[in-house]
Amino acid sequence: MSSVLDALQSSAETFTALRRDLHQHPEIGFQEFRTSDIVAQRLRDWGYEVTLGLGGTGVVGQLRKGNGTRRLGLRADMDALPIQEATGLPHASCHEGLMHACGHDGHTAMLLAAAEYLASKGNFQGTLNLIFQPAEESLGGARKMMEDGLFERFPCDAVFAMHNMPGFPRGQLLLRDGATMASSENILVHIEGKGSHGAMPHLGADPVVAGASIVMALQTIVSRNVPPLQTAVVTVGAFQSGVANNVIPQTATLKLSVRALDRGVRLLLRERIVDLVEAQAKSFGVTARVEFLPGYPVLVNTASETALAREVAIDLVGPENVVQQTEPLTGSEDFAYMLEKVPGSYLFIGNGDASTGGHGACMVHNPNYDFEDRNIPIGAAYWVHLAERFLA
């Protein structure tokens, strides 16, 4: 397997330059027009059949070889974040207030490097579907691509994705079967009270006091309703109400982030939040309405596909560089939608840790983060070997 990695190391400079170009020109979800055009043109140049427009700015490159009947999907995300970059690097973002703070530029570069190799030298029989997805960052680009017929137009027997992970050694591969990333619920609690003068609170119904009680009561859901061996998070990230110290406001709004690693626990959290909010509101003489915004389901890796992914990882980088069953994360990922439809697995590649320092060890969604370019040939080689093994 070293021959593939050696070949990809020889092209690393080209794809590093591409990655840094994407980094300099970040585009947020559903606005990845330049990125999509670059991806599509590269794929066409290498002989892929290219489809644009799925999910708005998504791209699918399809390559068939031989008479094999198996069909494989490999996915990379393309969108950036509304964060002001602070790295000071020569390839830092050119766009004020936007940056690739999660490494999607690197994910795109890795899959493109693999695409070039697979087109010219890939040894496989079957259909390869390369999925370049828009709007992963809380906008549900995966779901939008699926609504536009992704798996009906490009059927896959399995689908895989990879994400960089700061805090782990560069190039280390981390896998897990079963629940791997949490569901994510974005919830608004709208409290309607009765405004009055702050000096005469008995004439009003205070949504601030009711909201404060709701915030505290919500903290009991995980400790008193979720089984102790299960994981759940209920975070109130915002409490918005009022503008003056001597006015009892009419309304208040709470913004919640709710996460679980089990589908049943996810439903339990939803039910308990509604019950608790309504009961607390009634006790304070106000009304409350719970609004569920679009979120992400639990990301569940299927066992057999993860076993294959694990074998490829061990063969490529050696067992000493593979975490075979990593801990689950309470972060979320919309690749979960694809895994609800098609078997597959989502894995991680270490982006650097404290021993190496630098921007690669900085956590994602941070203005000082940068993708580790030396991972491009490793990630690309992984995709090549997985494709050749799956489509043998």
Protein backbone atom coordinates (compact mmCIF):
# COMPACT_ATOMS: atom_id res chain seq x y z
CA MET A 1 0.00 0.00 0.00
CA SER A 2 2.95 2.35 0.39
CA SER A 3 3.15 2.78 -3.39
CA VAL A 4 -0.19 4.62 -3.44
CA LEU A 5 0.85 6.88 -0.57
CA ASP A 6 4.21 7.50 -2.25
CA ALA A 7 2.45 8.50 -5.47
CA LEU A 8 0.14 10.84 -3.60
CA GLN A 9 3.07 12.33 -1.70
CA SER A 10 4.55 13.29 -5.06
CA SER A 11 1.41 15.28 -5.93
CA ALA A 12 1.03 16.75 -2.44
CA GLU A 13 2.38 20.16 -3.43
CA THR A 14 -0.31 20.55 -6.09
CA PHE A 15 -3.15 19.72 -3.73
CA THR A 16 -1.67 21.75 -0.90
CA ALA A 17 -1.74 24.74 -3.22
CA LEU A 18 -5.36 23.93 -4.10
CA ARG A 19 -6.30 23.61 -0.43
CA ARG A 20 -4.71 26.94 0.41
CA ASP A 21 -6.49 28.59 -2.51
CA LEU A 22 -9.81 27.29 -1.17
CA HIS A 23 -8.81 28.53 2.28
CA GLN A 24 -8.15 32.01 0.93
CA HIS A 25 -11.58 32.12 -0.70
CA PRO A 26 -14.03 30.69 1.87
CA GLU A 27 -17.73 30.47 1.06
CA ILE A 28 -20.49 29.80 3.58
CA GLY A 29 -23.29 27.28 3.20
CA PHE A 30 -25.26 27.26 -0.06
CA GLN A 31 -22.93 29.97 -1.46
CA GLU A 32 -20.02 27.70 -2.46
CA PHE A 33 -20.19 28.78 -6.10
CA ARG A 34 -16.47 29.26 -6.71
CA THR A 35 -15.60 26.11 -4.79
CA SER A 36 -18.17 24.04 -6.70
CA ASP A 37 -16.88 25.32 -10.03
CA ILE A 38 -13.30 24.40 -9.13
CA VAL A 39 -14.33 20.92 -7.96
CA ALA A 40 -16.48 20.31 -11.05
CA GLN A 41 -13.78 21.42 -13.48
CA ARG A 42 -11.13 19.23 -11.87
CA LEU A 43 -13.43 16.21 -11.95
CA ARG A 44 -14.30 16.80 -15.61
CA ASP A 45 -10.64 17.11 -16.49
CA TRP A 46 -10.02 13.68 -14.98
CA GLY A 47 -12.88 12.01 -16.82
CA TYR A 48 -15.69 12.01 -14.26
CA GLU A 49 -19.31 12.51 -15.22
CA VAL A 50 -20.18 15.63 -13.25
CA THR A 51 -23.56 16.76 -11.94
CA LEU A 52 -23.98 20.22 -10.44
CA GLY A 53 -26.76 21.78 -8.41
CA LEU A 54 -27.75 19.07 -5.93
CA GLY A 55 -28.57 20.83 -2.71
CA GLY A 56 -28.03 24.14 -4.50
CA THR A 57 -24.25 24.11 -4.80
CA GLY A 58 -23.46 20.41 -4.36
CA VAL A 59 -21.36 18.46 -6.85
CA VAL A 60 -21.33 14.75 -7.65
CA GLY A 61 -18.59 13.19 -9.75
CA GLN A 62 -19.28 9.68 -11.00
CA LEU A 63 -16.71 7.27 -12.44
CA ARG A 64 -17.47 3.77 -13.69
CA LYS A 65 -14.87 1.11 -14.41
CA GLY A 66 -15.31 -2.45 -15.63
CA ASN A 67 -18.50 -4.41 -15.19
CA GLY A 68 -18.70 -4.45 -11.39
CA THR A 69 -22.12 -3.83 -9.88
CA ARG A 70 -21.12 -2.37 -6.50
CA ARG A 71 -21.55 1.36 -5.89
CA LEU A 72 -19.58 3.42 -3.42
CA GLY A 73 -20.13 6.97 -2.16
CA LEU A 74 -17.35 9.13 -0.68
CA ARG A 75 -18.35 12.51 0.73
CA ALA A 76 -16.48 15.72 1.50
CA ASP A 77 -17.99 18.98 2.79
CA MET A 78 -17.09 22.35 1.24
CA ASP A 79 -18.53 25.21 3.31
CA ALA A 80 -16.78 27.71 5.57
CA LEU A 81 -17.87 29.57 8.71
CA PRO A 82 -18.76 33.21 9.56
CA ILE A 83 -15.61 33.68 11.66
CA GLN A 84 -12.90 36.34 11.34
CA GLU A 85 -9.58 34.57 10.77
CA ALA A 86 -6.72 35.39 13.16
CA THR A 87 -3.98 32.99 11.98
CA GLY A 88 -1.92 35.60 10.15
CA LEU A 89 -0.87 32.91 7.66
CA PRO A 90 0.09 33.81 4.07
CA HIS A 91 -2.95 31.87 2.83
CA ALA A 92 -5.38 33.41 5.32
CA SER A 93 -8.90 34.26 4.21
CA CYS A 94 -9.33 37.15 1.77
CA HIS A 95 -12.95 37.61 2.83
CA GLU A 96 -13.74 39.68 5.90
CA GLY A 97 -15.63 37.69 8.51
CA LEU A 98 -15.36 34.34 6.73
CA MET A 99 -12.87 31.51 7.16
CA HIS A 100 -12.39 27.78 6.79
CA ALA A 101 -12.33 27.20 10.54
CA CYS A 102 -13.39 23.55 10.37
CA GLY A 103 -11.09 22.14 7.68
CA HIS A 104 -13.62 21.58 4.94
CA ASP A 105 -11.07 23.01 2.51
CA GLY A 106 -8.80 20.12 3.53
CA HIS A 107 -11.57 17.54 3.23
CA THR A 108 -12.26 18.75 -0.31
CA ALA A 109 -8.57 18.66 -1.22
CA MET A 110 -8.15 15.12 0.13
CA LEU A 111 -11.06 13.78 -1.89
CA LEU A 112 -9.92 15.59 -5.04
CA ALA A 113 -6.41 14.15 -4.68
CA ALA A 114 -7.95 10.69 -4.39
CA ALA A 115 -10.22 11.42 -7.36
CA GLU A 116 -7.28 12.17 -9.63
CA TYR A 117 -5.45 9.01 -8.64
CA LEU A 118 -8.52 6.79 -8.93
CA ALA A 119 -9.30 8.14 -12.39
CA SER A 120 -5.83 7.49 -13.79
CA LYS A 121 -4.54 4.55 -11.76
CA GLY A 122 -7.42 3.22 -9.71
CA ASN A 123 -7.83 -0.55 -9.74
CA PHE A 124 -11.52 -1.16 -9.20
CA GLN A 125 -14.65 -2.55 -10.83
CA GLY A 126 -17.90 -0.72 -10.26
CA THR A 127 -19.27 2.78 -9.72
CA LEU A 128 -17.59 5.48 -7.67
CA ASN A 129 -19.74 8.45 -6.57
CA LEU A 130 -17.77 11.38 -5.15
CA ILE A 131 -20.12 13.66 -3.21
CA PHE A 132 -19.01 17.25 -2.54
CA GLN A 133 -21.59 18.60 -0.14
CA PRO A 134 -22.53 22.20 0.64
CA ALA A 135 -23.74 23.66 3.91
CA GLU A 136 -22.71 21.13 6.53
CA GLU A 137 -22.43 23.82 9.21
CA SER A 138 -25.90 23.68 10.79
CA LEU A 139 -27.73 24.22 7.50
CA GLY A 140 -28.41 20.61 6.54
CA GLY A 141 -26.76 20.46 3.13
CA ALA A 142 -26.74 16.65 3.25
CA ARG A 143 -30.51 16.57 3.71
CA LYS A 144 -30.95 19.08 0.90
CA MET A 145 -28.88 16.97 -1.49
CA MET A 146 -30.97 13.95 -0.54
CA GLU A 147 -34.20 15.89 -1.10
CA ASP A 148 -32.85 16.67 -4.57
CA GLY A 149 -32.54 12.93 -5.26
CA LEU A 150 -28.91 12.21 -4.35
CA PHE A 151 -29.28 8.49 -3.67
CA GLU A 152 -32.02 7.95 -6.26
CA ARG A 153 -29.84 9.44 -9.01
CA PHE A 154 -26.57 8.06 -7.61
CA PRO A 155 -27.38 4.86 -5.71
CA CYS A 156 -24.75 3.77 -3.20
CA ASP A 157 -24.31 0.45 -1.43
CA ALA A 158 -22.28 2.27 1.23
CA VAL A 159 -21.16 5.83 1.91
CA PHE A 160 -18.16 7.12 3.89
CA ALA A 161 -16.86 10.48 5.12
CA MET A 162 -13.83 11.76 7.03
CA HIS A 163 -13.27 14.77 9.30
CA ASN A 164 -10.05 16.17 10.73
CA MET A 165 -9.72 16.12 14.52
CA PRO A 166 -7.42 18.49 16.43
CA GLY A 167 -6.09 17.09 19.69
CA PHE A 168 -4.89 13.84 18.12
CA PRO A 169 -1.52 13.16 16.43
CA ARG A 170 -1.31 14.21 12.79
CA GLY A 171 -2.33 11.40 10.47
CA GLN A 172 -3.75 9.15 13.18
CA LEU A 173 -7.02 7.52 12.09
CA LEU A 174 -9.90 7.14 14.55
CA LEU A 175 -12.93 4.92 13.97
CA ARG A 176 -16.02 3.82 15.85
CA ASP A 177 -19.01 1.62 15.11
CA GLY A 178 -22.39 2.47 16.54
CA ALA A 179 -23.46 5.90 17.77
CA THR A 180 -20.51 8.19 17.04
CA MET A 181 -21.81 11.77 17.05
CA ALA A 182 -24.77 13.22 18.89
CA SER A 183 -28.09 14.44 17.60
CA SER A 184 -28.49 18.20 17.70
CA GLU A 185 -31.73 20.00 18.50
CA ASN A 186 -32.02 23.76 18.16
CA ILE A 187 -34.96 24.77 20.35
CA LEU A 188 -36.60 28.11 21.06
CA VAL A 189 -38.80 28.69 24.11
CA HIS A 190 -41.14 31.64 23.60
CA ILE A 191 -42.55 33.00 26.89
CA GLU A 192 -45.51 35.37 26.83
CA GLY A 193 -46.19 37.34 29.99
CA LYS A 194 -47.83 40.64 30.81
CA GLY A 195 -45.71 43.77 30.86
CA SER A 196 -45.95 46.35 33.59
CA HIS A 197 -44.00 49.00 35.45
CA GLY A 198 -41.13 47.55 37.45
CA ALA A 199 -42.38 49.37 40.55
CA MET A 200 -45.74 47.56 40.32
CA PRO A 201 -44.86 43.93 39.52
CA HIS A 202 -48.14 42.66 40.94
CA LEU A 203 -49.92 44.13 37.91
CA GLY A 204 -47.91 42.08 35.45
CA ALA A 205 -46.87 38.48 34.76
CA ASP A 206 -43.09 38.43 34.63
CA PRO A 207 -41.56 36.33 31.80
CA VAL A 208 -38.05 36.93 33.17
CA VAL A 209 -38.79 35.24 36.49
CA ALA A 210 -40.60 32.43 34.70
CA GLY A 211 -37.71 32.07 32.25
CA ALA A 212 -35.18 31.93 35.06
CA SER A 213 -37.13 29.14 36.71
CA ILE A 214 -37.38 27.28 33.40
CA VAL A 215 -33.61 27.55 32.89
CA MET A 216 -32.95 26.01 36.29
CA ALA A 217 -35.62 23.33 35.89
CA LEU A 218 -34.19 22.28 32.52
CA GLN A 219 -30.97 21.32 34.30
CA THR A 220 -32.82 18.47 36.03
CA ILE A 221 -33.74 16.66 32.82
CA VAL A 222 -30.34 15.04 32.29
CA SER A 223 -29.73 14.35 35.98
CA ARG A 224 -33.20 13.03 36.79
CA ASN A 225 -34.74 11.70 33.56
CA VAL A 226 -31.91 10.36 31.39
CA PRO A 227 -30.46 6.96 32.43
CA PRO A 228 -27.06 7.52 34.10
CA LEU A 229 -25.21 5.41 31.51
CA GLN A 230 -26.61 7.44 28.63
CA THR A 231 -25.21 10.74 27.32
CA ALA A 232 -27.28 13.90 26.97
CA VAL A 233 -26.71 17.65 26.99
CA VAL A 234 -29.25 20.44 27.58
CA THR A 235 -27.64 23.87 27.25
CA VAL A 236 -29.44 27.22 27.43
CA GLY A 237 -27.16 29.42 25.38
CA ALA A 238 -29.24 32.59 25.30
CA PHE A 239 -31.89 34.28 27.44
CA GLN A 240 -33.30 37.36 25.73
CA SER A 241 -35.81 39.71 27.34
CA GLY A 242 -36.34 43.34 28.22
CA VAL A 243 -34.38 46.55 27.64
CA ALA A 244 -34.88 48.64 30.80
CA ASN A 245 -34.34 48.05 34.51
CA ASN A 246 -37.70 49.45 35.54
CA VAL A 247 -39.91 47.65 33.03
CA ILE A 248 -41.27 44.14 33.33
CA PRO A 249 -41.18 42.99 29.70
CA GLN A 250 -43.97 41.32 27.82
CA THR A 251 -41.93 38.44 26.39
CA ALA A 252 -38.78 36.40 26.83
CA THR A 253 -36.98 33.90 24.60
CA LEU A 254 -34.68 31.04 25.55
CA LYS A 255 -32.38 29.40 23.00
CA LEU A 256 -31.45 25.79 23.70
CA SER A 257 -28.90 23.35 22.29
CA VAL A 258 -29.93 19.77 23.07
CA ARG A 259 -27.85 16.69 22.25
CA ALA A 260 -28.06 12.92 22.69
CA LEU A 261 -26.21 9.80 21.53
CA ASP A 262 -29.30 7.61 21.49
CA ARG A 263 -32.43 8.06 19.39
CA GLY A 264 -34.68 7.10 22.29
CA VAL A 265 -32.97 9.58 24.60
CA ARG A 266 -33.40 12.25 21.93
CA LEU A 267 -37.18 11.70 21.97
CA LEU A 268 -37.21 11.67 25.76
CA LEU A 269 -35.45 15.04 25.88
CA ARG A 270 -37.95 16.56 23.47
CA GLU A 271 -40.91 15.31 25.48
CA ARG A 272 -39.55 16.36 28.85
CA ILE A 273 -38.60 19.85 27.65
CA VAL A 274 -42.13 20.50 26.40
CA ASP A 275 -43.76 19.12 29.56
CA LEU A 276 -41.45 20.99 31.92
CA VAL A 277 -41.62 24.33 30.06
CA GLU A 278 -45.41 24.32 29.90
CA ALA A 279 -45.79 23.35 33.57
CA GLN A 280 -43.28 25.94 34.79
CA ALA A 281 -44.90 28.67 32.70
CA LYS A 282 -48.34 27.87 34.06
CA SER A 283 -47.06 28.05 37.63
CA PHE A 284 -45.93 31.66 37.02
CA GLY A 285 -49.10 32.77 35.24
CA VAL A 286 -47.47 33.09 31.82
CA THR A 287 -47.69 30.98 28.67
CA ALA A 288 -44.83 29.31 26.83
CA ARG A 289 -44.44 27.74 23.41
CA VAL A 290 -41.61 25.37 22.43
CA GLU A 291 -40.36 25.68 18.84
CA PHE A 292 -38.16 22.96 17.35
CA LEU A 293 -35.87 24.19 14.60
CA PRO A 294 -34.25 21.78 12.11
CA GLY A 295 -31.52 19.73 13.77
CA TYR A 296 -29.38 16.68 13.06
CA PRO A 297 -30.07 13.06 14.01
CA VAL A 298 -27.66 10.78 15.87
CA LEU A 299 -24.80 9.71 13.58
CA VAL A 300 -24.66 5.90 13.69
CA ASN A 301 -21.86 4.02 11.92
CA THR A 302 -22.87 0.56 10.73
CA ALA A 303 -20.76 -2.34 11.99
CA SER A 304 -19.68 -4.12 8.80
CA GLU A 305 -18.80 -0.93 6.94
CA THR A 306 -16.82 0.33 9.93
CA ALA A 307 -15.01 -3.00 10.12
CA LEU A 308 -13.90 -2.53 6.51
CA ALA A 309 -12.91 1.07 7.18
CA ARG A 310 -10.89 -0.08 10.20
CA GLU A 311 -9.05 -2.74 8.18
CA VAL A 312 -8.09 -0.20 5.53
CA ALA A 313 -6.83 2.20 8.21
CA ILE A 314 -4.65 -0.45 9.86
CA ASP A 315 -3.21 -1.56 6.52
CA LEU A 316 -2.42 2.01 5.52
CA VAL A 317 -0.86 3.55 8.64
CA GLY A 318 -0.30 0.56 10.93
CA PRO A 319 -2.20 -0.48 14.08
CA GLU A 320 -0.11 1.84 16.24
CA ASN A 321 -1.59 4.82 14.36
CA VAL A 322 -5.22 3.70 14.52
CA VAL A 323 -7.73 4.17 17.35
CA GLN A 324 -10.01 1.28 16.55
CA GLN A 325 -12.96 2.27 18.76
CA THR A 326 -12.71 5.93 19.69
CA GLU A 327 -14.96 7.68 22.16
CA PRO A 328 -18.20 9.19 20.81
CA LEU A 329 -18.51 12.95 20.42
CA THR A 330 -21.35 15.23 21.50
CA GLY A 331 -20.72 17.38 18.44
CA SER A 332 -23.08 16.86 15.50
CA GLU A 333 -22.72 16.23 11.78
CA ASP A 334 -25.31 16.17 9.02
CA PHE A 335 -23.67 13.13 7.40
CA ALA A 336 -25.99 11.42 9.91
CA TYR A 337 -28.82 11.93 7.41
CA MET A 338 -26.93 9.97 4.77
CA LEU A 339 -26.25 7.15 7.23
CA GLU A 340 -29.97 6.93 7.99
CA LYS A 341 -30.49 6.13 4.31
CA VAL A 342 -27.35 4.15 3.38
CA PRO A 343 -24.97 1.98 5.43
CA GLY A 344 -21.56 3.49 6.01
CA SER A 345 -19.06 5.01 8.38
CA TYR A 346 -17.68 8.39 9.43
CA LEU A 347 -14.07 8.48 10.63
CA PHE A 348 -11.55 11.03 11.86
CA ILE A 349 -7.97 11.93 10.99
CA GLY A 350 -5.78 13.57 13.63
CA ASN A 351 -4.92 17.18 12.79
CA GLY A 352 -2.20 17.64 15.44
CA ASP A 353 -1.91 17.71 19.21
CA ALA A 354 -0.16 19.66 21.94
CA SER A 355 3.16 17.92 21.26
CA THR A 356 3.30 19.41 17.76
CA GLY A 357 1.52 22.68 18.53
CA GLY A 358 0.71 25.10 15.74
CA HIS A 359 -2.57 25.96 14.10
CA GLY A 360 -3.40 22.29 13.41
CA ALA A 361 -3.67 21.56 17.13
CA CYS A 362 -6.13 24.43 17.61
CA MET A 363 -9.73 23.26 17.97
CA VAL A 364 -12.07 23.72 15.03
CA HIS A 365 -14.43 26.73 14.93
CA ASN A 366 -11.59 28.83 16.35
CA PRO A 367 -10.14 31.88 14.52
CA ASN A 368 -6.60 30.45 14.93
CA TYR A 369 -7.35 27.04 13.41
CA ASP A 370 -5.86 25.74 10.15
CA PHE A 371 -6.01 22.37 8.40
CA GLU A 372 -2.82 20.28 8.49
CA ASP A 373 -1.68 20.05 4.85
CA ARG A 374 0.49 17.00 5.50
CA ASN A 375 -2.75 15.06 5.99
CA ILE A 376 -3.78 15.52 2.35
CA PRO A 377 -1.81 12.57 0.92
CA ILE A 378 -2.68 10.36 3.91
CA GLY A 379 -6.39 11.08 3.64
CA ALA A 380 -6.31 10.71 -0.14
CA ALA A 381 -4.46 7.39 0.10
CA TYR A 382 -7.09 6.22 2.57
CA TRP A 383 -9.89 6.99 0.12
CA VAL A 384 -8.03 5.23 -2.71
CA HIS A 385 -7.53 2.05 -0.72
CA LEU A 386 -11.07 2.05 0.63
CA ALA A 387 -12.47 2.46 -2.89
CA GLU A 388 -10.27 -0.27 -4.32
CA ARG A 389 -11.13 -2.63 -1.46
CA PHE A 390 -14.88 -1.95 -1.58
CA LEU A 391 -15.04 -2.12 -5.39
CA ALA A 392 -12.62 -5.02 -5.76
